[in-house]
PDB file of N, CA and C in Angstrom:
ATOM      1  N   MET A   1       0.916  -1.181  -0.027  1.00  0.00           N
ATOM      2  CA  MET A   1       0.113   0.054  -0.212  1.00  0.00           C
ATOM      3  C   MET A   1       0.754   1.267  -0.220  1.00  0.00           C
ATOM      4  N   ALA A   2       0.594   1.886  -0.843  1.00  0.00           N
ATOM      5  CA  ALA A   2       1.592   3.315  -1.213  1.00  0.00           C
ATOM      6  C   ALA A   2       0.965   3.993   0.148  1.00  0.00           C
ATOM      7  N   SER A   3       2.285   5.125   0.483  1.00  0.00           N
ATOM      8  CA  SER A   3       2.103   5.912   1.550  1.00  0.00           C
ATOM      9  C   SER A   3       1.434   7.185   1.336  1.00  0.00           C
ATOM     10  N   LEU A   4       0.730   7.653   2.037  1.00  0.00           N
ATOM     11  CA  LEU A   4      -0.027   8.999   1.624  1.00  0.00           C
ATOM     12  C   LEU A   4       0.926  10.412   1.455  1.00  0.00           C
ATOM     13  N   SER A   5       0.687  10.706   0.651  1.00  0.00           N
ATOM     14  CA  SER A   5       1.373  12.139   0.285  1.00  0.00           C
ATOM     15  C   SER A   5       0.991  13.120   1.635  1.00  0.00           C
ATOM     16  N   ALA A   6       1.738  14.450   1.708  1.00  0.00           N
ATOM     17  CA  ALA A   6       1.144  15.317   2.974  1.00  0.00           C
ATOM     18  C   ALA A   6      -0.056  15.885   2.677  1.00  0.00           C
ATOM     19  N   LEU A   7      -0.224  16.370   1.419  1.00  0.00           N
ATOM     20  CA  LEU A   7      -1.890  16.778   1.051  1.00  0.00           C
ATOM     21  C   LEU A   7      -2.872  16.065   1.844  1.00  0.00           C
ATOM     22  N   ASP A   8      -2.601  14.618   1.496  1.00  0.00           N
ATOM     23  CA  ASP A   8      -3.579  13.535   1.848  1.00  0.00           C
ATOM     24  C   ASP A   8      -3.768  13.102   3.482  1.00  0.00           C
ATOM     25  N   GLN A   9      -2.476  13.562   3.776  1.00  0.00           N
ATOM     26  CA  GLN A   9      -2.757  13.340   5.342  1.00  0.00           C
ATOM     27  C   GLN A   9      -3.011  14.846   5.866  1.00  0.00           C
ATOM     28  N   ILE A  10      -3.168  15.848   5.373  1.00  0.00           N
ATOM     29  CA  ILE A  10      -3.972  16.938   5.869  1.00  0.00           C
ATOM     30  C   ILE A  10      -5.163  16.812   5.777  1.00  0.00           C
ATOM     31  N   MET A  11      -5.577  16.490   4.417  1.00  0.00           N
ATOM     32  CA  MET A  11      -7.020  16.307   4.528  1.00  0.00           C
ATOM     33  C   MET A  11      -7.939  15.332   5.336  1.00  0.00           C
ATOM     34  N   LEU A  12      -6.731  14.462   5.512  1.00  0.00           N
ATOM     35  CA  LEU A  12      -7.422  13.017   6.307  1.00  0.00           C
ATOM     36  C   LEU A  12      -7.827  13.468   7.762  1.00  0.00           C
ATOM     37  N   ALA A  13      -6.492  14.393   8.140  1.00  0.00           N
ATOM     38  CA  ALA A  13      -6.553  15.132   9.576  1.00  0.00           C
ATOM     39  C   ALA A  13      -8.054  15.955   9.536  1.00  0.00           C
ATOM     40  N   LEU A  14      -7.982  16.490   8.543  1.00  0.00           N
ATOM     41  CA  LEU A  14      -9.190  17.552   8.573  1.00  0.00           C
ATOM     42  C   LEU A  14     -10.490  17.076   8.461  1.00  0.00           C
ATOM     43  N   GLY A  15     -10.817  15.858   7.780  1.00  0.00           N
ATOM     44  CA  GLY A  15     -11.857  15.054   7.814  1.00  0.00           C
ATOM     45  C   GLY A  15     -12.153  14.550   9.196  1.00  0.00           C
ATOM     46  N   TYR A  16     -11.231  13.934   9.715  1.00  0.00           N
ATOM     47  CA  TYR A  16     -11.391  13.626  11.377  1.00  0.00           C
ATOM     48  C   TYR A  16     -11.712  14.714  12.149  1.00  0.00           C
ATOM     49  N   LEU A  17     -11.390  15.686  12.100  1.00  0.00           N
ATOM     50  CA  LEU A  17     -11.563  17.056  12.902  1.00  0.00           C
ATOM     51  C   LEU A  17     -13.088  17.315  12.689  1.00  0.00           C
ATOM     52  N   VAL A  18     -13.527  17.641  11.534  1.00  0.00           N
ATOM     53  CA  VAL A  18     -14.902  17.947  11.209  1.00  0.00           C
ATOM     54  C   VAL A  18     -15.866  16.681  11.696  1.00  0.00           C
ATOM     55  N   LEU A  19     -15.405  15.363  11.539  1.00  0.00           N
ATOM     56  CA  LEU A  19     -16.146  14.360  12.505  1.00  0.00           C
ATOM     57  C   LEU A  19     -16.255  14.399  13.466  1.00  0.00           C
ATOM     58  N   PHE A  20     -15.452  14.862  14.348  1.00  0.00           N
ATOM     59  CA  PHE A  20     -15.167  14.922  15.707  1.00  0.00           C
ATOM     60  C   PHE A  20     -16.072  16.182  16.010  1.00  0.00           C
ATOM     61  N   PHE A  21     -16.301  17.317  15.263  1.00  0.00           N
ATOM     62  CA  PHE A  21     -16.713  18.409  15.772  1.00  0.00           C
ATOM     63  C   PHE A  21     -18.198  17.953  15.434  1.00  0.00           C
ATOM     64  N   VAL A  22     -18.610  17.457  14.469  1.00  0.00           N
ATOM     65  CA  VAL A  22     -19.874  17.168  14.179  1.00  0.00           C
ATOM     66  C   VAL A  22     -20.492  16.543  15.605  1.00  0.00           C
ATOM     67  N   LEU A  23     -19.834  15.229  15.815  1.00  0.00           N
ATOM     68  CA  LEU A  23     -20.330  14.473  16.671  1.00  0.00           C
ATOM     69  C   LEU A  23     -20.592  14.952  17.850  1.00  0.00           C
ATOM     70  N   ALA A  24     -19.391  15.932  18.293  1.00  0.00           N
ATOM     71  CA  ALA A  24     -19.587  16.755  19.489  1.00  0.00           C
ATOM     72  C   ALA A  24     -20.544  17.464  19.660  1.00  0.00           C
ATOM     73  N   ILE A  25     -21.141  18.128  18.437  1.00  0.00           N
ATOM     74  CA  ILE A  25     -22.454  19.135  18.461  1.00  0.00           C
ATOM     75  C   ILE A  25     -23.525  18.506  18.939  1.00  0.00           C
ATOM     76  N   LEU A  26     -23.577  17.040  18.214  1.00  0.00           N
ATOM     77  CA  LEU A  26     -24.821  16.387  18.297  1.00  0.00           C
ATOM     78  C   LEU A  26     -24.840  15.803  19.771  1.00  0.00           C
ATOM     79  N   VAL A  27     -23.799  15.213  20.366  1.00  0.00           N
ATOM     80  CA  VAL A  27     -23.642  15.077  21.790  1.00  0.00           C
ATOM     81  C   VAL A  27     -24.070  16.004  22.623  1.00  0.00           C
ATOM     82  N   TYR A  28     -23.653  17.442  22.487  1.00  0.00           N
ATOM     83  CA  TYR A  28     -23.842  18.542  23.003  1.00  0.00           C
ATOM     84  C   TYR A  28     -25.451  18.750  23.055  1.00  0.00           C
ATOM     85  N   ALA A  29     -25.676  18.724  21.942  1.00  0.00           N
ATOM     86  CA  ALA A  29     -27.289  18.890  21.479  1.00  0.00           C
ATOM     87  C   ALA A  29     -28.473  17.829  22.177  1.00  0.00           C
ATOM     88  N   MET A  30     -27.819  16.584  22.223  1.00  0.00           N
ATOM     89  CA  MET A  30     -28.786  15.910  22.916  1.00  0.00           C
ATOM     90  C   MET A  30     -28.463  15.949  24.423  1.00  0.00           C
ATOM     91  N   VAL A  31     -27.721  16.523  25.161  1.00  0.00           N
ATOM     92  CA  VAL A  31     -27.287  16.522  26.530  1.00  0.00           C
ATOM     93  C   VAL A  31     -28.288  17.842  26.745  1.00  0.00           C
ATOM     94  N   ILE A  32     -28.535  18.830  25.854  1.00  0.00           N
ATOM     95  CA  ILE A  32     -29.288  19.876  26.151  1.00  0.00           C
ATOM     96  C   ILE A  32     -30.672  19.792  25.786  1.00  0.00           C
ATOM     97  N   LEU A  33     -31.360  18.918  24.914  1.00  0.00           N
ATOM     98  CA  LEU A  33     -32.041  18.306  24.804  1.00  0.00           C
ATOM     99  C   LEU A  33     -32.922  17.552  25.879  1.00  0.00           C
ATOM    100  N   LEU A  34     -32.171  16.721  26.522  1.00  0.00           N
ATOM    101  CA  LEU A  34     -32.245  15.863  27.777  1.00  0.00           C
ATOM    102  C   LEU A  34     -32.359  16.809  28.744  1.00  0.00           C
ATOM    103  N   LEU A  35     -31.568  17.819  29.167  1.00  0.00           N
ATOM    104  CA  LEU A  35     -31.827  18.551  30.081  1.00  0.00           C
ATOM    105  C   LEU A  35     -32.906  19.500  30.002  1.00  0.00           C
ATOM    106  N   THR A  36     -33.310  19.865  28.844  1.00  0.00           N
ATOM    107  CA  THR A  36     -34.433  20.540  28.506  1.00  0.00           C
ATOM    108  C   THR A  36     -35.944  19.885  28.867  1.00  0.00           C
ATOM    109  N   VAL A  37     -35.875  18.812  28.346  1.00  0.00           N
ATOM    110  CA  VAL A  37     -37.029  17.733  28.444  1.00  0.00           C
ATOM    111  C   VAL A  37     -37.355  17.289  30.197  1.00  0.00           C
ATOM    112  N   VAL A  38     -36.171  17.262  30.601  1.00  0.00           N
ATOM    113  CA  VAL A  38     -36.038  16.848  32.192  1.00  0.00           C
ATOM    114  C   VAL A  38     -36.949  18.147  32.959  1.00  0.00           C
ATOM    115  N   SER A  39     -36.298  19.185  32.420  1.00  0.00           N
ATOM    116  CA  SER A  39     -36.689  20.401  33.007  1.00  0.00           C
ATOM    117  C   SER A  39     -38.218  20.640  32.766  1.00  0.00           C
ATOM    118  N   ILE A  40     -38.388  20.298  31.679  1.00  0.00           N
ATOM    119  CA  ILE A  40     -40.127  20.974  31.416  1.00  0.00           C
ATOM    120  C   ILE A  40     -41.070  19.924  32.042  1.00  0.00           C
ATOM    121  N   ARG A  41     -40.722  18.565  32.088  1.00  0.00           N
ATOM    122  CA  ARG A  41     -41.516  17.715  32.525  1.00  0.00           C
ATOM    123  C   ARG A  41     -41.610  18.062  34.004  1.00  0.00           C
ATOM    124  N   THR A  42     -40.544  18.248  34.726  1.00  0.00           N
ATOM    125  CA  THR A  42     -40.545  18.336  36.102  1.00  0.00           C
ATOM    126  C   THR A  42     -40.817  19.897  36.453  1.00  0.00           C
ATOM    127  N   GLY A  43     -40.895  20.649  35.723  1.00  0.00           N
ATOM    128  CA  GLY A  43     -41.370  22.176  35.978  1.00  0.00           C
ATOM    129  C   GLY A  43     -39.999  22.868  36.848  1.00  0.00           C
ATOM    130  N   ARG A  44     -38.852  22.127  36.679  1.00  0.00           N
ATOM    131  CA  ARG A  44     -37.650  22.814  37.604  1.00  0.00           C
ATOM    132  C   ARG A  44     -36.643  23.091  36.352  1.00  0.00           C
ATOM    133  N   PHE A  45     -35.562  23.786  36.930  1.00  0.00           N
ATOM    134  CA  PHE A  45     -34.957  24.047  35.848  1.00  0.00           C
ATOM    135  C   PHE A  45     -33.417  23.372  36.193  1.00  0.00           C
ATOM    136  N   TYR A  46     -32.859  22.479  35.527  1.00  0.00           N
ATOM    137  CA  TYR A  46     -31.500  21.859  36.069  1.00  0.00           C
ATOM    138  C   TYR A  46     -30.554  22.327  35.084  1.00  0.00           C
ATOM    139  N   PHE A  47     -29.451  22.819  35.904  1.00  0.00           N
ATOM    140  CA  PHE A  47     -28.241  23.443  35.265  1.00  0.00           C
ATOM    141  C   PHE A  47     -28.316  24.764  34.154  1.00  0.00           C
ATOM    142  N   PRO A  48     -28.834  25.540  34.641  1.00  0.00           N
ATOM    143  CA  PRO A  48     -29.793  26.686  34.222  1.00  0.00           C
ATOM    144  C   PRO A  48     -28.655  27.625  32.993  1.00  0.00           C
ATOM    145  N   ARG A  49     -27.441  27.690  33.936  1.00  0.00           N
ATOM    146  CA  ARG A  49     -26.310  28.350  33.102  1.00  0.00           C
ATOM    147  C   ARG A  49     -25.907  27.689  32.219  1.00  0.00           C
ATOM    148  N   LEU A  50     -25.824  26.226  32.179  1.00  0.00           N
ATOM    149  CA  LEU A  50     -25.614  25.593  30.793  1.00  0.00           C
ATOM    150  C   LEU A  50     -26.826  25.290  30.047  1.00  0.00           C
ATOM    151  N   LEU A  51     -27.744  25.700  30.134  1.00  0.00           N
ATOM    152  CA  LEU A  51     -29.195  25.596  29.468  1.00  0.00           C
ATOM    153  C   LEU A  51     -29.112  26.557  28.448  1.00  0.00           C
ATOM    154  N   LYS A  52     -28.633  27.812  29.212  1.00  0.00           N
ATOM    155  CA  LYS A  52     -29.215  29.190  28.260  1.00  0.00           C
ATOM    156  C   LYS A  52     -28.528  29.182  27.221  1.00  0.00           C
ATOM    157  N   PRO A  53     -26.870  29.017  27.168  1.00  0.00           N
ATOM    158  CA  PRO A  53     -26.319  29.168  26.157  1.00  0.00           C
ATOM    159  C   PRO A  53     -26.634  28.030  25.356  1.00  0.00           C
ATOM    160  N   GLY A  54     -26.880  26.814  25.559  1.00  0.00           N
ATOM    161  CA  GLY A  54     -27.276  25.694  24.988  1.00  0.00           C
ATOM    162  C   GLY A  54     -28.606  25.940  24.189  1.00  0.00           C
ATOM    163  N   LEU A  55     -29.175  26.705  24.372  1.00  0.00           N
ATOM    164  CA  LEU A  55     -30.391  27.032  23.961  1.00  0.00           C
ATOM    165  C   LEU A  55     -30.219  27.888  22.697  1.00  0.00           C
ATOM    166  N   ILE A  56     -29.188  29.069  23.092  1.00  0.00           N
ATOM    167  CA  ILE A  56     -29.125  29.927  21.815  1.00  0.00           C
ATOM    168  C   ILE A  56     -28.309  29.433  20.968  1.00  0.00           C
ATOM    169  N   ILE A  57     -27.454  28.400  21.389  1.00  0.00           N
ATOM    170  CA  ILE A  57     -26.416  28.155  20.048  1.00  0.00           C
ATOM    171  C   ILE A  57     -27.088  27.229  19.106  1.00  0.00           C
ATOM    172  N   ILE A  58     -27.739  25.989  19.814  1.00  0.00           N
ATOM    173  CA  ILE A  58     -28.254  25.219  19.117  1.00  0.00           C
ATOM    174  C   ILE A  58     -29.777  25.168  19.174  1.00  0.00           C
ATOM    175  N   GLU A  59     -30.328  26.303  18.803  1.00  0.00           N
ATOM    176  CA  GLU A  59     -31.618  26.359  19.115  1.00  0.00           C
ATOM    177  C   GLU A  59     -32.254  25.753  18.088  1.00  0.00           C
ATOM    178  N   GLY A  60     -32.049  25.714  16.557  1.00  0.00           N
ATOM    179  CA  GLY A  60     -32.178  25.253  15.321  1.00  0.00           C
ATOM    180  C   GLY A  60     -32.125  23.682  15.567  1.00  0.00           C
ATOM    181  N   LEU A  61     -31.029  23.520  15.541  1.00  0.00           N
ATOM    182  CA  LEU A  61     -31.157  22.064  15.813  1.00  0.00           C
ATOM    183  C   LEU A  61     -31.507  21.231  16.874  1.00  0.00           C
ATOM    184  N   LEU A  62     -31.972  21.957  18.014  1.00  0.00           N
ATOM    185  CA  LEU A  62     -32.653  21.356  19.017  1.00  0.00           C
ATOM    186  C   LEU A  62     -34.274  21.412  18.593  1.00  0.00           C
ATOM    187  N   GLN A  63     -34.643  22.521  17.666  1.00  0.00           N
ATOM    188  CA  GLN A  63     -36.153  22.406  17.252  1.00  0.00           C
ATOM    189  C   GLN A  63     -36.312  21.250  16.048  1.00  0.00           C
ATOM    190  N   ALA A  64     -35.173  21.022  15.668  1.00  0.00           N
ATOM    191  CA  ALA A  64     -35.293  19.593  14.834  1.00  0.00           C
ATOM    192  C   ALA A  64     -35.428  18.226  15.356  1.00  0.00           C
ATOM    193  N   ILE A  65     -34.589  18.497  16.358  1.00  0.00           N
ATOM    194  CA  ILE A  65     -34.882  17.109  17.374  1.00  0.00           C
ATOM    195  C   ILE A  65     -36.201  17.292  17.771  1.00  0.00           C
ATOM    196  N   CYS A  66     -36.346  18.195  18.556  1.00  0.00           N
ATOM    197  CA  CYS A  66     -37.921  18.209  19.006  1.00  0.00           C
ATOM    198  C   CYS A  66     -39.034  17.698  18.302  1.00  0.00           C
ATOM    199  N   LYS A  67     -39.039  18.194  16.943  1.00  0.00           N
ATOM    200  CA  LYS A  67     -40.185  17.832  15.924  1.00  0.00           C
ATOM    201  C   LYS A  67     -39.845  16.304  15.747  1.00  0.00           C
ATOM    202  N   ALA A  68     -38.358  15.590  15.422  1.00  0.00           N
ATOM    203  CA  ALA A  68     -38.257  14.309  15.273  1.00  0.00           C
ATOM    204  C   ALA A  68     -38.797  13.431  16.609  1.00  0.00           C
ATOM    205  N   VAL A  69     -38.704  13.975  17.891  1.00  0.00           N
ATOM    206  CA  VAL A  69     -39.365  13.310  19.118  1.00  0.00           C
ATOM    207  C   VAL A  69     -40.564  13.606  19.343  1.00  0.00           C
ATOM    208  N   ARG A  70     -41.483  14.422  18.346  1.00  0.00           N
ATOM    209  CA  ARG A  70     -42.582  14.981  18.488  1.00  0.00           C
ATOM    210  C   ARG A  70     -42.766  15.573  19.728  1.00  0.00           C
ATOM    211  N   ILE A  71     -41.890  16.513  20.337  1.00  0.00           N
ATOM    212  CA  ILE A  71     -42.158  17.419  21.157  1.00  0.00           C
ATOM    213  C   ILE A  71     -42.268  18.871  20.546  1.00  0.00           C
ATOM    214  N   ASP A  72     -43.585  19.775  20.978  1.00  0.00           N
ATOM    215  CA  ASP A  72     -44.294  20.750  20.177  1.00  0.00           C
ATOM    216  C   ASP A  72     -43.159  21.704  20.190  1.00  0.00           C
ATOM    217  N   ASP A  73     -42.406  22.638  19.272  1.00  0.00           N
ATOM    218  CA  ASP A  73     -41.518  23.439  19.607  1.00  0.00           C
ATOM    219  C   ASP A  73     -41.779  24.892  20.052  1.00  0.00           C
ATOM    220  N   LYS A  74     -43.057  24.917  20.040  1.00  0.00           N
ATOM    221  CA  LYS A  74     -43.587  26.328  20.922  1.00  0.00           C
ATOM    222  C   LYS A  74     -43.222  25.594  22.493  1.00  0.00           C
ATOM    223  N   GLU A  75     -43.319  24.657  22.929  1.00  0.00           N
ATOM    224  CA  GLU A  75     -43.198  24.359  24.094  1.00  0.00           C
ATOM    225  C   GLU A  75     -41.463  24.681  24.581  1.00  0.00           C
ATOM    226  N   LEU A  76     -40.709  24.402  23.427  1.00  0.00           N
ATOM    227  CA  LEU A  76     -39.024  24.687  23.721  1.00  0.00           C
ATOM    228  C   LEU A  76     -39.083  26.407  23.680  1.00  0.00           C
ATOM    229  N   THR A  77     -39.863  27.131  22.917  1.00  0.00           N
ATOM    230  CA  THR A  77     -39.721  28.477  22.991  1.00  0.00           C
ATOM    231  C   THR A  77     -39.942  28.940  24.156  1.00  0.00           C
ATOM    232  N   SER A  78     -41.211  28.475  24.743  1.00  0.00           N
ATOM    233  CA  SER A  78     -41.896  29.154  26.133  1.00  0.00           C
ATOM    234  C   SER A  78     -40.961  28.653  27.054  1.00  0.00           C
ATOM    235  N   PHE A  79     -40.312  27.649  27.184  1.00  0.00           N
ATOM    236  CA  PHE A  79     -39.325  27.194  28.162  1.00  0.00           C
ATOM    237  C   PHE A  79     -38.054  27.749  28.243  1.00  0.00           C
ATOM    238  N   ALA A  80     -37.778  28.135  27.182  1.00  0.00           N
ATOM    239  CA  ALA A  80     -36.651  29.183  26.820  1.00  0.00           C
ATOM    240  C   ALA A  80     -36.869  30.799  27.722  1.00  0.00           C
ATOM    241  N   ILE A  81     -37.936  31.215  27.578  1.00  0.00           N
ATOM    242  CA  ILE A  81     -38.268  32.366  27.881  1.00  0.00           C
ATOM    243  C   ILE A  81     -38.690  32.012  29.381  1.00  0.00           C
ATOM    244  N   ARG A  82     -39.124  31.032  29.743  1.00  0.00           N
ATOM    245  CA  ARG A  82     -39.246  30.712  31.245  1.00  0.00           C
ATOM    246  C   ARG A  82     -38.060  30.987  31.825  1.00  0.00           C
ATOM    247  N   LEU A  83     -37.062  30.207  31.185  1.00  0.00           N
ATOM    248  CA  LEU A  83     -35.545  30.102  31.625  1.00  0.00           C
ATOM    249  C   LEU A  83     -35.111  31.306  32.044  1.00  0.00           C
ATOM    250  N   ARG A  84     -35.040  32.402  31.042  1.00  0.00           N
ATOM    251  CA  ARG A  84     -34.335  33.625  30.795  1.00  0.00           C
ATOM    252  C   ARG A  84     -35.004  34.435  31.893  1.00  0.00           C
ATOM    253  N   ASN A  85     -36.611  34.235  32.053  1.00  0.00           N
ATOM    254  CA  ASN A  85     -36.883  35.167  33.330  1.00  0.00           C
ATOM    255  C   ASN A  85     -36.711  34.454  34.190  1.00  0.00           C
ATOM    256  N   GLN A  86     -36.581  33.551  34.867  1.00  0.00           N
ATOM    257  CA  GLN A  86     -36.226  32.951  36.184  1.00  0.00           C
ATOM    258  C   GLN A  86     -34.827  33.356  36.287  1.00  0.00           C
ATOM    259  N   MET A  87     -33.905  33.207  35.612  1.00  0.00           N
ATOM    260  CA  MET A  87     -32.464  33.601  35.751  1.00  0.00           C
ATOM    261  C   MET A  87     -32.424  35.207  35.953  1.00  0.00           C
ATOM    262  N   ASN A  88     -32.936  36.147  35.403  1.00  0.00           N
ATOM    263  CA  ASN A  88     -33.071  37.189  35.729  1.00  0.00           C
ATOM    264  C   ASN A  88     -33.741  38.040  36.767  1.00  0.00           C
ATOM    265  N   HIS A  89     -34.678  36.937  37.398  1.00  0.00           N
ATOM    266  CA  HIS A  89     -35.505  37.638  38.336  1.00  0.00           C
ATOM    267  C   HIS A  89     -35.348  38.151  39.587  1.00  0.00           C
ATOM    268  N   GLU A  90     -34.104  37.541  40.188  1.00  0.00           N
ATOM    269  CA  GLU A  90     -33.614  37.902  41.541  1.00  0.00           C
ATOM    270  C   GLU A  90     -32.887  39.529  41.057  1.00  0.00           C
ATOM    271  N   MET A  91     -32.087  39.671  39.714  1.00  0.00           N
ATOM    272  CA  MET A  91     -31.652  40.827  39.580  1.00  0.00           C
ATOM    273  C   MET A  91     -32.350  41.994  39.194  1.00  0.00           C
ATOM    274  N   PHE A  92     -33.737  41.778  38.670  1.00  0.00           N
ATOM    275  CA  PHE A  92     -34.414  42.385  38.322  1.00  0.00           C
ATOM    276  C   PHE A  92     -35.322  43.052  39.693  1.00  0.00           C
ATOM    277  N   SER A  93     -35.712  41.984  40.717  1.00  0.00           N
ATOM    278  CA  SER A  93     -36.377  42.272  42.007  1.00  0.00           C
ATOM    279  C   SER A  93     -35.364  43.369  42.886  1.00  0.00           C
ATOM    280  N   ASN A  94     -33.849  43.286  42.485  1.00  0.00           N
ATOM    281  CA  ASN A  94     -33.157  44.330  43.091  1.00  0.00           C
ATOM    282  C   ASN A  94     -33.265  45.701  42.960  1.00  0.00           C
ATOM    283  N   ILE A  95     -34.013  45.861  41.768  1.00  0.00           N
ATOM    284  CA  ILE A  95     -33.883  47.026  41.192  1.00  0.00           C
ATOM    285  C   ILE A  95     -35.147  48.084  41.777  1.00  0.00           C
ATOM    286  N   PRO A  96     -35.019  49.059  42.193  1.00  0.00           N
ATOM    287  CA  PRO A  96     -36.455  49.762  43.031  1.00  0.00           C
ATOM    288  C   PRO A  96     -37.140  50.030  41.827  1.00  0.00           C
ATOM    289  N   MET A  97     -38.285  49.724  42.437  1.00  0.00           N
ATOM    290  CA  MET A  97     -39.677  49.953  41.575  1.00  0.00           C
ATOM    291  C   MET A  97     -39.744  51.253  40.807  1.00  0.00           C
ATOM    292  N   GLU A  98     -39.319  52.509  41.170  1.00  0.00           N
ATOM    293  CA  GLU A  98     -39.472  53.869  40.353  1.00  0.00           C
ATOM    294  C   GLU A  98     -38.408  53.654  39.241  1.00  0.00           C
ATOM    295  N   GLN A  99     -37.398  52.743  39.239  1.00  0.00           N
ATOM    296  CA  GLN A  99     -36.291  52.597  38.292  1.00  0.00           C
ATOM    297  C   GLN A  99     -36.486  51.478  37.515  1.00  0.00           C
ATOM    298  N   ARG A 100     -37.452  50.685  37.485  1.00  0.00           N
ATOM    299  CA  ARG A 100     -37.922  49.744  36.524  1.00  0.00           C
ATOM    300  C   ARG A 100     -38.194  50.009  35.196  1.00  0.00           C
ATOM    301  N   ALA A 101     -38.462  49.343  34.482  1.00  0.00           N
ATOM    302  CA  ALA A 101     -39.045  49.694  33.336  1.00  0.00           C
ATOM    303  C   ALA A 101     -39.398  48.247  32.336  1.00  0.00           C
ATOM    304  N   ILE A 102     -40.732  48.023  31.987  1.00  0.00           N
ATOM    305  CA  ILE A 102     -40.865  46.658  31.182  1.00  0.00           C
ATOM    306  C   ILE A 102     -41.683  47.112  29.926  1.00  0.00           C
ATOM    307  N   PHE A 103     -40.856  46.830  28.712  1.00  0.00           N
ATOM    308  CA  PHE A 103     -41.152  46.732  27.520  1.00  0.00           C
ATOM    309  C   PHE A 103     -41.826  45.886  26.570  1.00  0.00           C
ATOM    310  N   LEU A 104     -43.094  46.451  26.450  1.00  0.00           N
ATOM    311  CA  LEU A 104     -44.056  45.359  25.845  1.00  0.00           C
ATOM    312  C   LEU A 104     -44.074  45.899  24.318  1.00  0.00           C
ATOM    313  N   PRO A 105     -44.662  44.515  23.518  1.00  0.00           N
ATOM    314  CA  PRO A 105     -44.827  44.828  21.949  1.00  0.00           C
ATOM    315  C   PRO A 105     -45.943  45.870  21.898  1.00  0.00           C
ATOM    316  N   GLN A 106     -45.954  47.041  20.826  1.00  0.00           N
ATOM    317  CA  GLN A 106     -47.144  47.615  20.586  1.00  0.00           C
ATOM    318  C   GLN A 106     -48.403  47.224  20.070  1.00  0.00           C
ATOM    319  N   CYS A 107     -48.307  45.908  19.887  1.00  0.00           N
ATOM    320  CA  CYS A 107     -49.655  44.963  19.737  1.00  0.00           C
ATOM    321  C   CYS A 107     -50.604  44.543  20.828  1.00  0.00           C
ATOM    322  N   LEU A 108     -49.801  44.697  22.066  1.00  0.00           N
ATOM    323  CA  LEU A 108     -50.673  44.726  23.335  1.00  0.00           C
ATOM    324  C   LEU A 108     -51.363  45.630  23.758  1.00  0.00           C
ATOM    325  N   ARG A 109     -51.147  46.923  23.321  1.00  0.00           N
ATOM    326  CA  ARG A 109     -51.940  47.946  23.846  1.00  0.00           C
ATOM    327  C   ARG A 109     -53.707  47.772  23.377  1.00  0.00           C
ATOM    328  N   SER A 110     -54.039  48.672  24.254  1.00  0.00           N
ATOM    329  CA  SER A 110     -55.406  48.551  23.889  1.00  0.00           C
ATOM    330  C   SER A 110     -56.216  49.171  22.769  1.00  0.00           C
ATOM    331  N   ALA A 111     -56.803  48.848  22.215  1.00  0.00           N
ATOM    332  CA  ALA A 111     -57.496  49.329  20.554  1.00  0.00           C
ATOM    333  C   ALA A 111     -57.903  50.811  20.995  1.00  0.00           C
ATOM    334  N   ALA A 112     -58.563  51.014  22.065  1.00  0.00           N
ATOM    335  CA  ALA A 112     -58.958  52.343  22.791  1.00  0.00           C
ATOM    336  C   ALA A 112     -57.773  53.156  23.007  1.00  0.00           C
ATOM    337  N   CYS A 113     -56.763  52.956  23.205  1.00  0.00           N
ATOM    338  CA  CYS A 113     -55.486  53.658  23.393  1.00  0.00           C
ATOM    339  C   CYS A 113     -55.289  54.979  22.347  1.00  0.00           C
ATOM    340  N   PRO A 114     -55.450  56.169  22.763  1.00  0.00           N
ATOM    341  CA  PRO A 114     -55.367  57.398  21.686  1.00  0.00           C
ATOM    342  C   PRO A 114     -53.714  57.568  21.593  1.00  0.00           C
ATOM    343  N   SER A 115     -53.133  56.556  21.997  1.00  0.00           N
ATOM    344  CA  SER A 115     -51.480  57.252  21.592  1.00  0.00           C
ATOM    345  C   SER A 115     -51.222  57.085  20.231  1.00  0.00           C
ATOM    346  N   ASP A 116     -49.705  57.469  19.741  1.00  0.00           N
ATOM    347  CA  ASP A 116     -49.559  57.580  18.322  1.00  0.00           C
ATOM    348  C   ASP A 116     -48.459  56.486  18.386  1.00  0.00           C
ATOM    349  N   LEU A 117     -47.837  55.871  17.385  1.00  0.00           N
ATOM    350  CA  LEU A 117     -46.999  54.719  17.233  1.00  0.00           C
ATOM    351  C   LEU A 117     -45.899  55.721  16.472  1.00  0.00           C
ATOM    352  N   THR A 118     -44.743  55.900  16.818  1.00  0.00           N
ATOM    353  CA  THR A 118     -43.958  56.653  16.509  1.00  0.00           C
ATOM    354  C   THR A 118     -42.475  55.976  16.489  1.00  0.00           C
ATOM    355  N   THR A 119     -41.387  55.944  15.705  1.00  0.00           N
ATOM    356  CA  THR A 119     -40.218  55.503  15.470  1.00  0.00           C
ATOM    357  C   THR A 119     -39.499  55.185  16.862  1.00  0.00           C
ATOM    358  N   GLU A 120     -39.986  56.285  18.097  1.00  0.00           N
ATOM    359  CA  GLU A 120     -39.497  55.861  19.182  1.00  0.00           C
ATOM    360  C   GLU A 120     -40.425  54.864  20.159  1.00  0.00           C
ATOM    361  N   GLY A 121     -41.218  54.882  19.360  1.00  0.00           N
ATOM    362  CA  GLY A 121     -42.819  53.897  20.221  1.00  0.00           C
ATOM    363  C   GLY A 121     -43.907  54.559  20.664  1.00  0.00           C
ATOM    364  N   LEU A 122     -44.675  54.315  21.494  1.00  0.00           N
ATOM    365  CA  LEU A 122     -46.192  54.677  21.625  1.00  0.00           C
ATOM    366  C   LEU A 122     -45.976  56.213  22.162  1.00  0.00           C
ATOM    367  N   VAL A 123     -46.354  57.309  21.791  1.00  0.00           N
ATOM    368  CA  VAL A 123     -46.446  58.676  22.402  1.00  0.00           C
ATOM    369  C   VAL A 123     -47.765  58.539  22.803  1.00  0.00           C
ATOM    370  N   CYS A 124     -47.852  58.909  24.299  1.00  0.00           N
ATOM    371  CA  CYS A 124     -49.279  59.238  24.883  1.00  0.00           C
ATOM    372  C   CYS A 124     -49.522  60.399  24.664  1.00  0.00           C
ATOM    373  N   LYS A 125     -50.931  60.535  24.397  1.00  0.00           N
ATOM    374  CA  LYS A 125     -51.354  62.203  24.104  1.00  0.00           C
ATOM    375  C   LYS A 125     -52.051  62.707  25.693  1.00  0.00           C
TER     376      LYS A 125
END
C-alpha cells in the first residue's frame, strides 16, 4: 500500500477533525435536549447556566430534534423564555420599583388607546 502524500494526510486529519466536531455538537445537543425535556417535565430548571447558552447556540438543531421526537417547538420557546425570566428574576427584583422599565410590544396595547406609534415607540397624548 502506497504511503499518503502530505496533502492527503492533511485532508484526512481535517476530515477526522470535522467528524469529531459534528459528533461533539450532536452529543452536546442531545445533552441540552435531555436537560430541557427533564426540566419541562418536572417544572424545575436543571443546570440553567448550561441550558441558556445551549438553547441559544443550537436552537435550530434542538427544534429539529424536538420535531423528530414529537415535542412541540412552541413548548421549547416557552421554556427558553421561562428560563431567561427565572435567571433574571433576582437581579430585576433588586431594582427599585421607580427605576424599573418593562417593554411590551405595541400590539398588546388597547385598541382604544389614543397614543400614536412613532419610531421611538408609543407617544401618549
